[in-house]
Amino acid sequence: MIREILFWGNNFNAFYNQQELKVRRKIDYVLWLITHTERIPIKFLKHLEGTDNLYEVRISSTFKEIRVMCFFDETKVIVLINSFIKKSQKTPKNEIELGEKLRREYFEFKERSK
């Protein structure tokens, strides 16, 4: 394994558990790729421009475009923080704001825990 995945909060798990089995398998496959591939194609992981190092894991299923917001903690740890179904070309502003808030909370918690 090249990278480790951490889950911050319950947003990702709640979203994941609501999906049908076929979609969960697709999510599992993309997360496996991210943890086991040295250079992740932009098709699966993309930096969100104009953000403080937020990324989106990109999962395409038959009828849904799923996005999982995440960020890197150090080089080999990806922290998953939120998931949603993308309904337009641009990532919704409220999802980006939530992602930035959760990222700040994560690093504040990590700093207090030292």
PDB file of N, CA and C in Angstrom:
ATOM      1  N   MET A   1       0.851  -1.176   0.000  1.00  0.00           N
ATOM      2  CA  MET A   1       0.000   0.000   0.000  1.00  0.00           C
ATOM      3  C   MET A   1       0.896   1.239   0.000  1.00  0.00           C
ATOM      4  N   ILE A   2       0.566   2.198  -0.848  1.00  0.00           N
ATOM      5  CA  ILE A   2       1.363   3.417  -0.989  1.00  0.00           C
ATOM      6  C   ILE A   2       0.846   4.519  -0.070  1.00  0.00           C
ATOM      7  N   ARG A   3      -0.462   4.601   0.073  1.00  0.00           N
ATOM      8  CA  ARG A   3      -1.089   5.634   0.906  1.00  0.00           C
ATOM      9  C   ARG A   3      -2.066   4.994   1.885  1.00  0.00           C
ATOM     10  N   GLU A   4      -2.301   5.713   2.943  1.00  0.00           N
ATOM     11  CA  GLU A   4      -3.282   5.306   3.953  1.00  0.00           C
ATOM     12  C   GLU A   4      -4.478   6.240   3.845  1.00  0.00           C
ATOM     13  N   ILE A   5      -5.658   5.718   4.089  1.00  0.00           N
ATOM     14  CA  ILE A   5      -6.872   6.546   4.102  1.00  0.00           C
ATOM     15  C   ILE A   5      -7.381   6.646   5.529  1.00  0.00           C
ATOM     16  N   LEU A   6      -7.663   7.866   5.952  1.00  0.00           N
ATOM     17  CA  LEU A   6      -8.302   8.129   7.241  1.00  0.00           C
ATOM     18  C   LEU A   6      -9.673   8.735   6.980  1.00  0.00           C
ATOM     19  N   PHE A   7     -10.588   8.502   7.878  1.00  0.00           N
ATOM     20  CA  PHE A   7     -11.935   9.068   7.782  1.00  0.00           C
ATOM     21  C   PHE A   7     -12.107  10.064   8.913  1.00  0.00           C
ATOM     22  N   TRP A   8     -12.439  11.318   8.574  1.00  0.00           N
ATOM     23  CA  TRP A   8     -12.625  12.350   9.587  1.00  0.00           C
ATOM     24  C   TRP A   8     -14.117  12.650   9.676  1.00  0.00           C
ATOM     25  N   GLY A   9     -14.673  12.451  10.870  1.00  0.00           N
ATOM     26  CA  GLY A   9     -16.111  12.658  11.046  1.00  0.00           C
ATOM     27  C   GLY A   9     -16.881  11.477  10.478  1.00  0.00           C
ATOM     28  N   ASN A  10     -18.184  11.638  10.402  1.00  0.00           N
ATOM     29  CA  ASN A  10     -19.038  10.548   9.951  1.00  0.00           C
ATOM     30  C   ASN A  10     -19.664  10.823   8.583  1.00  0.00           C
ATOM     31  N   ASN A  11     -19.341  11.949   7.963  1.00  0.00           N
ATOM     32  CA  ASN A  11     -19.991  12.324   6.708  1.00  0.00           C
ATOM     33  C   ASN A  11     -19.792  11.296   5.601  1.00  0.00           C
ATOM     34  N   PHE A  12     -18.560  10.848   5.416  1.00  0.00           N
ATOM     35  CA  PHE A  12     -18.304   9.875   4.354  1.00  0.00           C
ATOM     36  C   PHE A  12     -19.026   8.565   4.635  1.00  0.00           C
ATOM     37  N   ASN A  13     -18.888   8.047   5.846  1.00  0.00           N
ATOM     38  CA  ASN A  13     -19.511   6.755   6.170  1.00  0.00           C
ATOM     39  C   ASN A  13     -21.024   6.791   6.032  1.00  0.00           C
ATOM     40  N   ALA A  14     -21.646   7.877   6.459  1.00  0.00           N
ATOM     41  CA  ALA A  14     -23.103   7.998   6.334  1.00  0.00           C
ATOM     42  C   ALA A  14     -23.513   7.982   4.861  1.00  0.00           C
ATOM     43  N   PHE A  15     -22.794   8.713   4.032  1.00  0.00           N
ATOM     44  CA  PHE A  15     -23.076   8.742   2.592  1.00  0.00           C
ATOM     45  C   PHE A  15     -22.870   7.353   1.985  1.00  0.00           C
ATOM     46  N   TYR A  16     -21.744   6.746   2.286  1.00  0.00           N
ATOM     47  CA  TYR A  16     -21.385   5.432   1.744  1.00  0.00           C
ATOM     48  C   TYR A  16     -22.455   4.394   2.073  1.00  0.00           C
ATOM     49  N   ASN A  17     -22.894   4.365   3.305  1.00  0.00           N
ATOM     50  CA  ASN A  17     -23.874   3.367   3.732  1.00  0.00           C
ATOM     51  C   ASN A  17     -25.237   3.549   3.087  1.00  0.00           C
ATOM     52  N   GLN A  18     -25.526   4.724   2.553  1.00  0.00           N
ATOM     53  CA  GLN A  18     -26.803   4.980   1.882  1.00  0.00           C
ATOM     54  C   GLN A  18     -26.796   4.528   0.417  1.00  0.00           C
ATOM     55  N   GLN A  19     -25.627   4.212  -0.107  1.00  0.00           N
ATOM     56  CA  GLN A  19     -25.518   3.852  -1.518  1.00  0.00           C
ATOM     57  C   GLN A  19     -25.836   2.380  -1.728  1.00  0.00           C
ATOM     58  N   GLU A  20     -26.318   2.075  -2.939  1.00  0.00           N
ATOM     59  CA  GLU A  20     -26.580   0.675  -3.282  1.00  0.00           C
ATOM     60  C   GLU A  20     -25.253  -0.069  -3.428  1.00  0.00           C
ATOM     61  N   LEU A  21     -25.299  -1.375  -3.368  1.00  0.00           N
ATOM     62  CA  LEU A  21     -24.104  -2.204  -3.370  1.00  0.00           C
ATOM     63  C   LEU A  21     -23.202  -1.929  -4.574  1.00  0.00           C
ATOM     64  N   LYS A  22     -23.778  -1.806  -5.750  1.00  0.00           N
ATOM     65  CA  LYS A  22     -22.996  -1.568  -6.964  1.00  0.00           C
ATOM     66  C   LYS A  22     -22.179  -0.275  -6.852  1.00  0.00           C
ATOM     67  N   VAL A  23     -22.776   0.771  -6.300  1.00  0.00           N
ATOM     68  CA  VAL A  23     -22.089   2.058  -6.132  1.00  0.00           C
ATOM     69  C   VAL A  23     -21.012   1.943  -5.059  1.00  0.00           C
ATOM     70  N   ARG A  24     -21.308   1.253  -3.959  1.00  0.00           N
ATOM     71  CA  ARG A  24     -20.302   1.051  -2.911  1.00  0.00           C
ATOM     72  C   ARG A  24     -19.085   0.308  -3.452  1.00  0.00           C
ATOM     73  N   ARG A  25     -19.318  -0.663  -4.311  1.00  0.00           N
ATOM     74  CA  ARG A  25     -18.197  -1.398  -4.911  1.00  0.00           C
ATOM     75  C   ARG A  25     -17.348  -0.481  -5.789  1.00  0.00           C
ATOM     76  N   LYS A  26     -17.985   0.407  -6.513  1.00  0.00           N
ATOM     77  CA  LYS A  26     -17.248   1.361  -7.351  1.00  0.00           C
ATOM     78  C   LYS A  26     -16.415   2.300  -6.475  1.00  0.00           C
ATOM     79  N   ILE A  27     -17.006   2.786  -5.377  1.00  0.00           N
ATOM     80  CA  ILE A  27     -16.276   3.642  -4.435  1.00  0.00           C
ATOM     81  C   ILE A  27     -15.081   2.878  -3.870  1.00  0.00           C
ATOM     82  N   ASP A  28     -15.301   1.639  -3.452  1.00  0.00           N
ATOM     83  CA  ASP A  28     -14.219   0.809  -2.909  1.00  0.00           C
ATOM     84  C   ASP A  28     -13.084   0.656  -3.913  1.00  0.00           C
ATOM     85  N   TYR A  29     -13.444   0.432  -5.176  1.00  0.00           N
ATOM     86  CA  TYR A  29     -12.434   0.252  -6.217  1.00  0.00           C
ATOM     87  C   TYR A  29     -11.588   1.522  -6.384  1.00  0.00           C
ATOM     88  N   VAL A  30     -12.223   2.677  -6.452  1.00  0.00           N
ATOM     89  CA  VAL A  30     -11.474   3.927  -6.630  1.00  0.00           C
ATOM     90  C   VAL A  30     -10.601   4.201  -5.412  1.00  0.00           C
ATOM     91  N   LEU A  31     -11.101   3.958  -4.211  1.00  0.00           N
ATOM     92  CA  LEU A  31     -10.275   4.151  -3.017  1.00  0.00           C
ATOM     93  C   LEU A  31      -9.100   3.179  -3.001  1.00  0.00           C
ATOM     94  N   TRP A  32      -9.319   1.957  -3.454  1.00  0.00           N
ATOM     95  CA  TRP A  32      -8.215   1.003  -3.559  1.00  0.00           C
ATOM     96  C   TRP A  32      -7.153   1.528  -4.526  1.00  0.00           C
ATOM     97  N   LEU A  33      -7.587   2.038  -5.685  1.00  0.00           N
ATOM     98  CA  LEU A  33      -6.641   2.605  -6.652  1.00  0.00           C
ATOM     99  C   LEU A  33      -5.810   3.722  -6.032  1.00  0.00           C
ATOM    100  N   ILE A  34      -6.465   4.578  -5.284  1.00  0.00           N
ATOM    101  CA  ILE A  34      -5.775   5.716  -4.674  1.00  0.00           C
ATOM    102  C   ILE A  34      -4.728   5.253  -3.664  1.00  0.00           C
ATOM    103  N   THR A  35      -5.010   4.192  -2.958  1.00  0.00           N
ATOM    104  CA  THR A  35      -4.050   3.712  -1.959  1.00  0.00           C
ATOM    105  C   THR A  35      -2.931   2.871  -2.564  1.00  0.00           C
ATOM    106  N   HIS A  36      -3.138   2.358  -3.768  1.00  0.00           N
ATOM    107  CA  HIS A  36      -2.163   1.435  -4.342  1.00  0.00           C
ATOM    108  C   HIS A  36      -1.488   1.917  -5.629  1.00  0.00           C
ATOM    109  N   THR A  37      -1.793   3.112  -6.090  1.00  0.00           N
ATOM    110  CA  THR A  37      -1.220   3.631  -7.332  1.00  0.00           C
ATOM    111  C   THR A  37      -0.294   4.799  -7.015  1.00  0.00           C
ATOM    112  N   GLU A  38       0.918   4.745  -7.542  1.00  0.00           N
ATOM    113  CA  GLU A  38       1.894   5.807  -7.275  1.00  0.00           C
ATOM    114  C   GLU A  38       1.413   7.154  -7.814  1.00  0.00           C
ATOM    115  N   ARG A  39       1.076   7.204  -9.093  1.00  0.00           N
ATOM    116  CA  ARG A  39       0.607   8.449  -9.721  1.00  0.00           C
ATOM    117  C   ARG A  39      -0.877   8.272 -10.049  1.00  0.00           C
ATOM    118  N   ILE A  40      -1.716   8.937  -9.283  1.00  0.00           N
ATOM    119  CA  ILE A  40      -3.158   8.783  -9.433  1.00  0.00           C
ATOM    120  C   ILE A  40      -3.641   9.640 -10.609  1.00  0.00           C
ATOM    121  N   PRO A  41      -4.312   9.047 -11.578  1.00  0.00           N
ATOM    122  CA  PRO A  41      -4.833   9.826 -12.700  1.00  0.00           C
ATOM    123  C   PRO A  41      -5.860  10.866 -12.237  1.00  0.00           C
ATOM    124  N   ILE A  42      -5.885  12.012 -12.922  1.00  0.00           N
ATOM    125  CA  ILE A  42      -6.814  13.086 -12.584  1.00  0.00           C
ATOM    126  C   ILE A  42      -8.272  12.621 -12.707  1.00  0.00           C
ATOM    127  N   LYS A  43      -8.481  11.570 -13.458  1.00  0.00           N
ATOM    128  CA  LYS A  43      -9.818  10.988 -13.582  1.00  0.00           C
ATOM    129  C   LYS A  43     -10.362  10.553 -12.221  1.00  0.00           C
ATOM    130  N   PHE A  44      -9.454  10.209 -11.309  1.00  0.00           N
ATOM    131  CA  PHE A  44      -9.861   9.703  -9.997  1.00  0.00           C
ATOM    132  C   PHE A  44      -9.594  10.653  -8.835  1.00  0.00           C
ATOM    133  N   LEU A  45      -8.636  11.553  -8.977  1.00  0.00           N
ATOM    134  CA  LEU A  45      -8.312  12.486  -7.886  1.00  0.00           C
ATOM    135  C   LEU A  45      -7.884  13.820  -8.486  1.00  0.00           C
ATOM    136  N   LYS A  46      -8.603  14.872  -8.102  1.00  0.00           N
ATOM    137  CA  LYS A  46      -8.326  16.186  -8.684  1.00  0.00           C
ATOM    138  C   LYS A  46      -8.270  17.250  -7.589  1.00  0.00           C
ATOM    139  N   HIS A  47      -7.256  18.123  -7.700  1.00  0.00           N
ATOM    140  CA  HIS A  47      -7.159  19.269  -6.784  1.00  0.00           C
ATOM    141  C   HIS A  47      -8.268  20.259  -7.117  1.00  0.00           C
ATOM    142  N   LEU A  48      -8.918  20.800  -6.094  1.00  0.00           N
ATOM    143  CA  LEU A  48      -9.956  21.811  -6.299  1.00  0.00           C
ATOM    144  C   LEU A  48      -9.296  23.180  -6.301  1.00  0.00           C
ATOM    145  N   GLU A  49      -9.249  23.798  -7.461  1.00  0.00           N
ATOM    146  CA  GLU A  49      -8.611  25.102  -7.603  1.00  0.00           C
ATOM    147  C   GLU A  49      -9.262  26.131  -6.689  1.00  0.00           C
ATOM    148  N   GLY A  50      -8.442  27.026  -6.166  1.00  0.00           N
ATOM    149  CA  GLY A  50      -8.937  28.080  -5.300  1.00  0.00           C
ATOM    150  C   GLY A  50      -9.191  27.633  -3.872  1.00  0.00           C
ATOM    151  N   THR A  51      -8.728  26.428  -3.526  1.00  0.00           N
ATOM    152  CA  THR A  51      -8.918  25.929  -2.161  1.00  0.00           C
ATOM    153  C   THR A  51      -7.560  25.741  -1.499  1.00  0.00           C
ATOM    154  N   ASP A  52      -7.613  25.545  -0.199  1.00  0.00           N
ATOM    155  CA  ASP A  52      -6.403  25.310   0.588  1.00  0.00           C
ATOM    156  C   ASP A  52      -6.104  23.815   0.600  1.00  0.00           C
ATOM    157  N   ASN A  53      -5.661  23.304  -0.547  1.00  0.00           N
ATOM    158  CA  ASN A  53      -5.276  21.893  -0.705  1.00  0.00           C
ATOM    159  C   ASN A  53      -6.410  20.899  -0.499  1.00  0.00           C
ATOM    160  N   LEU A  54      -7.608  21.252  -0.944  1.00  0.00           N
ATOM    161  CA  LEU A  54      -8.692  20.280  -0.972  1.00  0.00           C
ATOM    162  C   LEU A  54      -8.661  19.545  -2.305  1.00  0.00           C
ATOM    163  N   TYR A  55      -9.013  18.286  -2.259  1.00  0.00           N
ATOM    164  CA  TYR A  55      -9.086  17.448  -3.447  1.00  0.00           C
ATOM    165  C   TYR A  55     -10.451  16.792  -3.491  1.00  0.00           C
ATOM    166  N   GLU A  56     -10.802  16.285  -4.668  1.00  0.00           N
ATOM    167  CA  GLU A  56     -12.011  15.482  -4.756  1.00  0.00           C
ATOM    168  C   GLU A  56     -11.664  14.150  -5.400  1.00  0.00           C
ATOM    169  N   VAL A  57     -12.098  13.088  -4.749  1.00  0.00           N
ATOM    170  CA  VAL A  57     -12.036  11.759  -5.331  1.00  0.00           C
ATOM    171  C   VAL A  57     -13.232  11.698  -6.262  1.00  0.00           C
ATOM    172  N   ARG A  58     -12.996  11.281  -7.493  1.00  0.00           N
ATOM    173  CA  ARG A  58     -14.032  11.321  -8.519  1.00  0.00           C
ATOM    174  C   ARG A  58     -14.469   9.903  -8.866  1.00  0.00           C
ATOM    175  N   ILE A  59     -15.758   9.642  -8.664  1.00  0.00           N
ATOM    176  CA  ILE A  59     -16.304   8.320  -8.919  1.00  0.00           C
ATOM    177  C   ILE A  59     -17.493   8.492  -9.852  1.00  0.00           C
ATOM    178  N   SER A  60     -17.415   7.842 -10.995  1.00  0.00           N
ATOM    179  CA  SER A  60     -18.510   7.896 -11.970  1.00  0.00           C
ATOM    180  C   SER A  60     -19.215   6.558 -11.981  1.00  0.00           C
ATOM    181  N   SER A  61     -20.507   6.615 -11.753  1.00  0.00           N
ATOM    182  CA  SER A  61     -21.306   5.408 -11.895  1.00  0.00           C
ATOM    183  C   SER A  61     -22.316   5.668 -13.010  1.00  0.00           C
ATOM    184  N   THR A  62     -23.147   4.724 -13.286  1.00  0.00           N
ATOM    185  CA  THR A  62     -24.062   4.822 -14.415  1.00  0.00           C
ATOM    186  C   THR A  62     -24.906   6.092 -14.397  1.00  0.00           C
ATOM    187  N   PHE A  63     -25.486   6.420 -13.263  1.00  0.00           N
ATOM    188  CA  PHE A  63     -26.385   7.567 -13.204  1.00  0.00           C
ATOM    189  C   PHE A  63     -25.919   8.659 -12.249  1.00  0.00           C
ATOM    190  N   LYS A  64     -24.757   8.492 -11.633  1.00  0.00           N
ATOM    191  CA  LYS A  64     -24.315   9.441 -10.610  1.00  0.00           C
ATOM    192  C   LYS A  64     -22.856   9.826 -10.815  1.00  0.00           C
ATOM    193  N   GLU A  65     -22.562  11.068 -10.504  1.00  0.00           N
ATOM    194  CA  GLU A  65     -21.185  11.536 -10.390  1.00  0.00           C
ATOM    195  C   GLU A  65     -20.961  11.793  -8.904  1.00  0.00           C
ATOM    196  N   ILE A  66     -20.196  10.940  -8.274  1.00  0.00           N
ATOM    197  CA  ILE A  66     -19.970  11.025  -6.835  1.00  0.00           C
ATOM    198  C   ILE A  66     -18.635  11.705  -6.588  1.00  0.00           C
ATOM    199  N   ARG A  67     -18.628  12.584  -5.596  1.00  0.00           N
ATOM    200  CA  ARG A  67     -17.392  13.250  -5.200  1.00  0.00           C
ATOM    201  C   ARG A  67     -17.163  13.025  -3.714  1.00  0.00           C
ATOM    202  N   VAL A  68     -15.925  12.735  -3.381  1.00  0.00           N
ATOM    203  CA  VAL A  68     -15.511  12.573  -1.989  1.00  0.00           C
ATOM    204  C   VAL A  68     -14.446  13.632  -1.731  1.00  0.00           C
ATOM    205  N   MET A  69     -14.755  14.584  -0.865  1.00  0.00           N
ATOM    206  CA  MET A  69     -13.793  15.632  -0.535  1.00  0.00           C
ATOM    207  C   MET A  69     -12.724  15.047   0.384  1.00  0.00           C
ATOM    208  N   CYS A  70     -11.480  15.472   0.145  1.00  0.00           N
ATOM    209  CA  CYS A  70     -10.382  14.966   0.944  1.00  0.00           C
ATOM    210  C   CYS A  70      -9.215  15.939   0.908  1.00  0.00           C
ATOM    211  N   PHE A  71      -8.199  15.624   1.692  1.00  0.00           N
ATOM    212  CA  PHE A  71      -6.956  16.391   1.691  1.00  0.00           C
ATOM    213  C   PHE A  71      -5.838  15.465   2.148  1.00  0.00           C
ATOM    214  N   PHE A  72      -4.621  15.906   1.919  1.00  0.00           N
ATOM    215  CA  PHE A  72      -3.465  15.127   2.350  1.00  0.00           C
ATOM    216  C   PHE A  72      -3.002  15.616   3.706  1.00  0.00           C
ATOM    217  N   ASP A  73      -2.678  14.677   4.575  1.00  0.00           N
ATOM    218  CA  ASP A  73      -2.010  14.972   5.841  1.00  0.00           C
ATOM    219  C   ASP A  73      -0.656  14.295   5.730  1.00  0.00           C
ATOM    220  N   GLU A  74       0.365  15.096   5.606  1.00  0.00           N
ATOM    221  CA  GLU A  74       1.697  14.616   5.270  1.00  0.00           C
ATOM    222  C   GLU A  74       1.629  14.108   3.832  1.00  0.00           C
ATOM    223  N   THR A  75       2.478  13.215   3.437  1.00  0.00           N
ATOM    224  CA  THR A  75       2.511  12.836   2.021  1.00  0.00           C
ATOM    225  C   THR A  75       1.697  11.593   1.712  1.00  0.00           C
ATOM    226  N   LYS A  76       1.644  10.694   2.624  1.00  0.00           N
ATOM    227  CA  LYS A  76       1.060   9.387   2.336  1.00  0.00           C
ATOM    228  C   LYS A  76      -0.258   9.114   3.056  1.00  0.00           C
ATOM    229  N   VAL A  77      -0.894  10.147   3.592  1.00  0.00           N
ATOM    230  CA  VAL A  77      -2.173   9.970   4.287  1.00  0.00           C
ATOM    231  C   VAL A  77      -3.211  10.867   3.627  1.00  0.00           C
ATOM    232  N   ILE A  78      -4.299  10.251   3.179  1.00  0.00           N
ATOM    233  CA  ILE A  78      -5.414  10.999   2.614  1.00  0.00           C
ATOM    234  C   ILE A  78      -6.560  10.931   3.616  1.00  0.00           C
ATOM    235  N   VAL A  79      -7.100  12.102   3.944  1.00  0.00           N
ATOM    236  CA  VAL A  79      -8.191  12.180   4.914  1.00  0.00           C
ATOM    237  C   VAL A  79      -9.484  12.456   4.158  1.00  0.00           C
ATOM    238  N   LEU A  80     -10.435  11.525   4.250  1.00  0.00           N
ATOM    239  CA  LEU A  80     -11.739  11.687   3.609  1.00  0.00           C
ATOM    240  C   LEU A  80     -12.669  12.415   4.570  1.00  0.00           C
ATOM    241  N   ILE A  81     -13.337  13.469   4.073  1.00  0.00           N
ATOM    242  CA  ILE A  81     -14.130  14.288   4.993  1.00  0.00           C
ATOM    243  C   ILE A  81     -15.592  14.442   4.626  1.00  0.00           C
ATOM    244  N   ASN A  82     -15.948  14.336   3.356  1.00  0.00           N
ATOM    245  CA  ASN A  82     -17.333  14.564   2.975  1.00  0.00           C
ATOM    246  C   ASN A  82     -17.587  13.935   1.611  1.00  0.00           C
ATOM    247  N   SER A  83     -18.838  13.588   1.349  1.00  0.00           N
ATOM    248  CA  SER A  83     -19.222  13.009   0.061  1.00  0.00           C
ATOM    249  C   SER A  83     -20.545  13.600  -0.382  1.00  0.00           C
ATOM    250  N   PHE A  84     -20.711  13.685  -1.690  1.00  0.00           N
ATOM    251  CA  PHE A  84     -21.964  14.184  -2.242  1.00  0.00           C
ATOM    252  C   PHE A  84     -22.095  13.743  -3.689  1.00  0.00           C
ATOM    253  N   ILE A  85     -23.303  13.860  -4.205  1.00  0.00           N
ATOM    254  CA  ILE A  85     -23.555  13.581  -5.614  1.00  0.00           C
ATOM    255  C   ILE A  85     -23.491  14.902  -6.350  1.00  0.00           C
ATOM    256  N   LYS A  86     -22.631  14.960  -7.335  1.00  0.00           N
ATOM    257  CA  LYS A  86     -22.413  16.196  -8.086  1.00  0.00           C
ATOM    258  C   LYS A  86     -23.497  16.318  -9.153  1.00  0.00           C
ATOM    259  N   LYS A  87     -24.170  17.473  -9.164  1.00  0.00           N
ATOM    260  CA  LYS A  87     -25.290  17.665 -10.083  1.00  0.00           C
ATOM    261  C   LYS A  87     -25.030  18.741 -11.126  1.00  0.00           C
ATOM    262  N   SER A  88     -23.874  19.401 -11.046  1.00  0.00           N
ATOM    263  CA  SER A  88     -23.546  20.440 -12.021  1.00  0.00           C
ATOM    264  C   SER A  88     -22.063  20.364 -12.359  1.00  0.00           C
ATOM    265  N   GLN A  89     -21.623  21.165 -13.324  1.00  0.00           N
ATOM    266  CA  GLN A  89     -20.218  21.158 -13.738  1.00  0.00           C
ATOM    267  C   GLN A  89     -19.289  21.560 -12.599  1.00  0.00           C
ATOM    268  N   LYS A  90     -19.647  22.610 -11.887  1.00  0.00           N
ATOM    269  CA  LYS A  90     -18.788  23.121 -10.819  1.00  0.00           C
ATOM    270  C   LYS A  90     -19.136  22.462  -9.489  1.00  0.00           C
ATOM    271  N   THR A  91     -18.115  22.303  -8.671  1.00  0.00           N
ATOM    272  CA  THR A  91     -18.352  21.802  -7.318  1.00  0.00           C
ATOM    273  C   THR A  91     -19.093  22.890  -6.539  1.00  0.00           C
ATOM    274  N   PRO A  92     -20.226  22.549  -5.910  1.00  0.00           N
ATOM    275  CA  PRO A  92     -21.005  23.560  -5.189  1.00  0.00           C
ATOM    276  C   PRO A  92     -20.189  24.281  -4.117  1.00  0.00           C
ATOM    277  N   LYS A  93     -20.386  25.575  -4.029  1.00  0.00           N
ATOM    278  CA  LYS A  93     -19.645  26.411  -3.085  1.00  0.00           C
ATOM    279  C   LYS A  93     -19.838  25.936  -1.646  1.00  0.00           C
ATOM    280  N   ASN A  94     -21.069  25.548  -1.305  1.00  0.00           N
ATOM    281  CA  ASN A  94     -21.319  25.104   0.070  1.00  0.00           C
ATOM    282  C   ASN A  94     -20.545  23.830   0.401  1.00  0.00           C
ATOM    283  N   GLU A  95     -20.315  22.959  -0.587  1.00  0.00           N
ATOM    284  CA  GLU A  95     -19.524  21.746  -0.354  1.00  0.00           C
ATOM    285  C   GLU A  95     -18.048  22.102  -0.141  1.00  0.00           C
ATOM    286  N   ILE A  96     -17.557  23.070  -0.904  1.00  0.00           N
ATOM    287  CA  ILE A  96     -16.172  23.515  -0.727  1.00  0.00           C
ATOM    288  C   ILE A  96     -15.996  24.155   0.644  1.00  0.00           C
ATOM    289  N   GLU A  97     -16.955  24.999   1.044  1.00  0.00           N
ATOM    290  CA  GLU A  97     -16.879  25.646   2.359  1.00  0.00           C
ATOM    291  C   GLU A  97     -16.902  24.604   3.474  1.00  0.00           C
ATOM    292  N   LEU A  98     -17.760  23.604   3.346  1.00  0.00           N
ATOM    293  CA  LEU A  98     -17.809  22.530   4.338  1.00  0.00           C
ATOM    294  C   LEU A  98     -16.475  21.776   4.366  1.00  0.00           C
ATOM    295  N   GLY A  99     -15.925  21.490   3.207  1.00  0.00           N
ATOM    296  CA  GLY A  99     -14.639  20.803   3.135  1.00  0.00           C
ATOM    297  C   GLY A  99     -13.535  21.590   3.811  1.00  0.00           C
ATOM    298  N   GLU A 100     -13.481  22.893   3.566  1.00  0.00           N
ATOM    299  CA  GLU A 100     -12.454  23.729   4.195  1.00  0.00           C
ATOM    300  C   GLU A 100     -12.642  23.785   5.707  1.00  0.00           C
ATOM    301  N   LYS A 101     -13.888  23.859   6.147  1.00  0.00           N
ATOM    302  CA  LYS A 101     -14.180  23.874   7.595  1.00  0.00           C
ATOM    303  C   LYS A 101     -13.720  22.563   8.244  1.00  0.00           C
ATOM    304  N   LEU A 102     -14.063  21.440   7.641  1.00  0.00           N
ATOM    305  CA  LEU A 102     -13.677  20.140   8.199  1.00  0.00           C
ATOM    306  C   LEU A 102     -12.158  19.947   8.181  1.00  0.00           C
ATOM    307  N   ARG A 103     -11.491  20.457   7.155  1.00  0.00           N
ATOM    308  CA  ARG A 103     -10.033  20.378   7.089  1.00  0.00           C
ATOM    309  C   ARG A 103      -9.407  21.158   8.245  1.00  0.00           C
ATOM    310  N   ARG A 104      -9.904  22.380   8.469  1.00  0.00           N
ATOM    311  CA  ARG A 104      -9.395  23.185   9.600  1.00  0.00           C
ATOM    312  C   ARG A 104      -9.629  22.464  10.922  1.00  0.00           C
ATOM    313  N   GLU A 105     -10.824  21.931  11.120  1.00  0.00           N
ATOM    314  CA  GLU A 105     -11.141  21.219  12.356  1.00  0.00           C
ATOM    315  C   GLU A 105     -10.196  20.034  12.564  1.00  0.00           C
ATOM    316  N   TYR A 106      -9.905  19.319  11.510  1.00  0.00           N
ATOM    317  CA  TYR A 106      -9.004  18.168  11.597  1.00  0.00           C
ATOM    318  C   TYR A 106      -7.624  18.593  12.107  1.00  0.00           C
ATOM    319  N   PHE A 107      -7.055  19.626  11.481  1.00  0.00           N
ATOM    320  CA  PHE A 107      -5.706  20.052  11.878  1.00  0.00           C
ATOM    321  C   PHE A 107      -5.704  20.711  13.255  1.00  0.00           C
ATOM    322  N   GLU A 108      -6.779  21.396  13.628  1.00  0.00           N
ATOM    323  CA  GLU A 108      -6.873  21.953  14.984  1.00  0.00           C
ATOM    324  C   GLU A 108      -6.922  20.823  16.003  1.00  0.00           C
ATOM    325  N   PHE A 109      -7.710  19.793  15.724  1.00  0.00           N
ATOM    326  CA  PHE A 109      -7.794  18.635  16.613  1.00  0.00           C
ATOM    327  C   PHE A 109      -6.437  17.939  16.710  1.00  0.00           C
ATOM    328  N   LYS A 110      -5.780  17.758  15.590  1.00  0.00           N
ATOM    329  CA  LYS A 110      -4.475  17.105  15.573  1.00  0.00           C
ATOM    330  C   LYS A 110      -3.466  17.897  16.392  1.00  0.00           C
ATOM    331  N   GLU A 111      -3.478  19.223  16.262  1.00  0.00           N
ATOM    332  CA  GLU A 111      -2.546  20.079  17.004  1.00  0.00           C
ATOM    333  C   GLU A 111      -2.825  19.997  18.510  1.00  0.00           C
ATOM    334  N   ARG A 112      -4.094  20.005  18.908  1.00  0.00           N
ATOM    335  CA  ARG A 112      -4.437  19.918  20.348  1.00  0.00           C
ATOM    336  C   ARG A 112      -4.064  18.570  20.928  1.00  0.00           C
ATOM    337  N   SER A 113      -4.050  17.541  20.083  1.00  0.00           N
ATOM    338  CA  SER A 113      -3.792  16.168  20.556  1.00  0.00           C
ATOM    339  C   SER A 113      -2.314  15.868  20.772  1.00  0.00           C
ATOM    340  N   LYS A 114      -1.447  16.775  20.355  1.00  0.00           N
ATOM    341  CA  LYS A 114       0.012  16.542  20.504  1.00  0.00           C
ATOM    342  C   LYS A 114       0.436  16.600  21.945  1.00  0.00           C
TER     343      LYS A 114
END
